[in-house]
Amino acid sequence: MRLPGKTALITGASRNIGRAIALAFAAEGADLVLNTRGNREELEAVAAECAKAGARVVPVLGDIADPAAVEAMVAQGLAALGAIDILVCNAAIRP
């Protein structure tokens, strides 16, 4: 997989599978809009790791169950990175 010139929006990106996807996409050259619902520290840590790999990264807190939050997240990503080419819907709620 080679992703230079592409931008991915990844939900649930602060840990576990979402974190691994973000790091893999960054390693393949993608720029990233990273989302999580509530833990800014975890999201910023993943964003920093991705930036070290050379990715431009926009970390955004927001609940994807809220349409207004999703619109704001997309708007932030578009404003900062110009496009979103890939969507990875990884957000989940665990009991």
C-alpha atoms as a PDB file:
ATOM      1  CA  MET A   1       0.000   0.000   0.000  1.00  0.00           C
ATOM      2  CA  ARG A   2       1.426   3.393  -0.999  1.00  0.00           C
ATOM      3  CA  LEU A   3      -0.465   6.527   0.004  1.00  0.00           C
ATOM      4  CA  PRO A   4       1.587   9.648  -0.763  1.00  0.00           C
ATOM      5  CA  GLY A   5      -0.660  12.526  -1.741  1.00  0.00           C
ATOM      6  CA  LYS A   6      -3.692  10.950  -0.059  1.00  0.00           C
ATOM      7  CA  THR A   7      -5.474  12.075   3.096  1.00  0.00           C
ATOM      8  CA  ALA A   8      -7.306   9.669   5.384  1.00  0.00           C
ATOM      9  CA  LEU A   9      -9.872  10.411   8.069  1.00  0.00           C
ATOM     10  CA  ILE A  10      -9.661   7.712  10.739  1.00  0.00           C
ATOM     11  CA  THR A  11     -12.249   7.499  13.510  1.00  0.00           C
ATOM     12  CA  GLY A  12     -11.405   5.737  16.749  1.00  0.00           C
ATOM     13  CA  ALA A  13      -7.752   6.540  16.103  1.00  0.00           C
ATOM     14  CA  SER A  14      -6.477   7.031  19.645  1.00  0.00           C
ATOM     15  CA  ARG A  15      -5.722   3.400  20.505  1.00  0.00           C
ATOM     16  CA  ASN A  16      -5.796  -0.255  19.513  1.00  0.00           C
ATOM     17  CA  ILE A  17      -6.755  -0.954  15.880  1.00  0.00           C
ATOM     18  CA  GLY A  18      -7.334   2.726  15.047  1.00  0.00           C
ATOM     19  CA  ARG A  19      -3.887   3.659  16.328  1.00  0.00           C
ATOM     20  CA  ALA A  20      -2.300   0.865  14.309  1.00  0.00           C
ATOM     21  CA  ILE A  21      -4.149   1.977  11.168  1.00  0.00           C
ATOM     22  CA  ALA A  22      -3.054   5.592  11.684  1.00  0.00           C
ATOM     23  CA  LEU A  23       0.585   4.589  12.117  1.00  0.00           C
ATOM     24  CA  ALA A  24       0.462   2.297   9.062  1.00  0.00           C
ATOM     25  CA  PHE A  25      -1.120   4.996   6.885  1.00  0.00           C
ATOM     26  CA  ALA A  26       1.456   7.547   8.072  1.00  0.00           C
ATOM     27  CA  ALA A  27       4.262   5.122   7.268  1.00  0.00           C
ATOM     28  CA  GLU A  28       2.825   4.749   3.766  1.00  0.00           C
ATOM     29  CA  GLY A  29       2.818   8.504   3.183  1.00  0.00           C
ATOM     30  CA  ALA A  30      -0.767   9.551   3.934  1.00  0.00           C
ATOM     31  CA  ASP A  31      -1.749  12.746   5.700  1.00  0.00           C
ATOM     32  CA  LEU A  32      -4.285  12.193   8.440  1.00  0.00           C
ATOM     33  CA  VAL A  33      -7.362  13.547  10.152  1.00  0.00           C
ATOM     34  CA  LEU A  34      -7.461  11.565  13.398  1.00  0.00           C
ATOM     35  CA  ASN A  35     -10.562  11.369  15.574  1.00  0.00           C
ATOM     36  CA  THR A  36     -11.523  10.113  18.978  1.00  0.00           C
ATOM     37  CA  ARG A  37     -14.484  10.937  21.146  1.00  0.00           C
ATOM     38  CA  GLY A  38     -12.893  11.882  24.432  1.00  0.00           C
ATOM     39  CA  ASN A  39      -9.235  11.306  25.261  1.00  0.00           C
ATOM     40  CA  ARG A  40      -7.223  14.201  23.855  1.00  0.00           C
ATOM     41  CA  GLU A  41      -3.941  12.974  25.425  1.00  0.00           C
ATOM     42  CA  GLU A  42      -4.102   9.609  23.665  1.00  0.00           C
ATOM     43  CA  LEU A  43      -5.087  11.235  20.368  1.00  0.00           C
ATOM     44  CA  GLU A  44      -2.271  13.795  20.570  1.00  0.00           C
ATOM     45  CA  ALA A  45       0.228  10.994  21.306  1.00  0.00           C
ATOM     46  CA  VAL A  46      -0.839   9.094  18.179  1.00  0.00           C
ATOM     47  CA  ALA A  47      -0.766  12.321  16.160  1.00  0.00           C
ATOM     48  CA  ALA A  48       2.797  12.987  17.330  1.00  0.00           C
ATOM     49  CA  GLU A  49       3.885   9.472  16.328  1.00  0.00           C
ATOM     50  CA  CYS A  50       2.331   9.914  12.890  1.00  0.00           C
ATOM     51  CA  ALA A  51       3.973  13.314  12.463  1.00  0.00           C
ATOM     52  CA  LYS A  52       7.364  11.726  13.218  1.00  0.00           C
ATOM     53  CA  ALA A  53       6.713   9.453  10.229  1.00  0.00           C
ATOM     54  CA  GLY A  54       6.267  12.570   8.077  1.00  0.00           C
ATOM     55  CA  ALA A  55       2.484  12.858   8.016  1.00  0.00           C
ATOM     56  CA  ARG A  56       0.605  16.113   8.300  1.00  0.00           C
ATOM     57  CA  VAL A  57      -1.910  15.414  11.056  1.00  0.00           C
ATOM     58  CA  VAL A  58      -5.118  17.076  12.230  1.00  0.00           C
ATOM     59  CA  PRO A  59      -6.318  15.568  15.539  1.00  0.00           C
ATOM     60  CA  VAL A  60     -10.018  16.235  16.239  1.00  0.00           C
ATOM     61  CA  LEU A  61     -12.146  15.330  19.250  1.00  0.00           C
ATOM     62  CA  GLY A  62     -15.770  14.586  18.443  1.00  0.00           C
ATOM     63  CA  ASP A  63     -18.534  12.051  18.781  1.00  0.00           C
ATOM     64  CA  ILE A  64     -19.340  10.572  15.370  1.00  0.00           C
ATOM     65  CA  ALA A  65     -22.913   9.958  16.558  1.00  0.00           C
ATOM     66  CA  ASP A  66     -23.357  13.748  16.439  1.00  0.00           C
ATOM     67  CA  PRO A  67     -23.830  14.959  12.846  1.00  0.00           C
ATOM     68  CA  ALA A  68     -22.709  18.499  13.706  1.00  0.00           C
ATOM     69  CA  ALA A  69     -19.486  17.148  15.236  1.00  0.00           C
ATOM     70  CA  VAL A  70     -18.834  15.100  12.094  1.00  0.00           C
ATOM     71  CA  GLU A  71     -19.403  18.118   9.852  1.00  0.00           C
ATOM     72  CA  ALA A  72     -17.004  20.163  11.985  1.00  0.00           C
ATOM     73  CA  MET A  73     -14.393  17.390  11.907  1.00  0.00           C
ATOM     74  CA  VAL A  74     -14.569  17.142   8.119  1.00  0.00           C
ATOM     75  CA  ALA A  75     -14.438  20.928   7.778  1.00  0.00           C
ATOM     76  CA  GLN A  76     -11.303  21.087   9.948  1.00  0.00           C
ATOM     77  CA  GLY A  77      -9.654  18.355   7.917  1.00  0.00           C
ATOM     78  CA  LEU A  78     -10.517  19.979   4.599  1.00  0.00           C
ATOM     79  CA  ALA A  79      -9.365  23.405   5.780  1.00  0.00           C
ATOM     80  CA  ALA A  80      -6.014  22.078   6.951  1.00  0.00           C
ATOM     81  CA  LEU A  81      -5.262  19.401   4.355  1.00  0.00           C
ATOM     82  CA  GLY A  82      -7.365  20.292   1.314  1.00  0.00           C
ATOM     83  CA  ALA A  83      -9.030  16.921   0.714  1.00  0.00           C
ATOM     84  CA  ILE A  84     -10.132  13.691   2.316  1.00  0.00           C
ATOM     85  CA  ASP A  85      -9.611  10.701   0.034  1.00  0.00           C
ATOM     86  CA  ILE A  86     -10.012   7.786   2.438  1.00  0.00           C
ATOM     87  CA  LEU A  87     -12.439   7.151   5.298  1.00  0.00           C
ATOM     88  CA  VAL A  88     -11.717   4.508   7.923  1.00  0.00           C
ATOM     89  CA  CYS A  89     -14.756   4.056  10.187  1.00  0.00           C
ATOM     90  CA  ASN A  90     -13.165   2.398  13.180  1.00  0.00           C
ATOM     91  CA  ALA A  91     -14.986   4.009  16.105  1.00  0.00           C
ATOM     92  CA  ALA A  92     -16.610   1.569  18.488  1.00  0.00           C
ATOM     93  CA  ILE A  93     -18.304   1.542  21.849  1.00  0.00           C
ATOM     94  CA  ARG A  94     -17.174  -1.147  24.217  1.00  0.00           C
ATOM     95  CA  PRO A  95     -19.035  -2.099  27.381  1.00  0.00           C
END
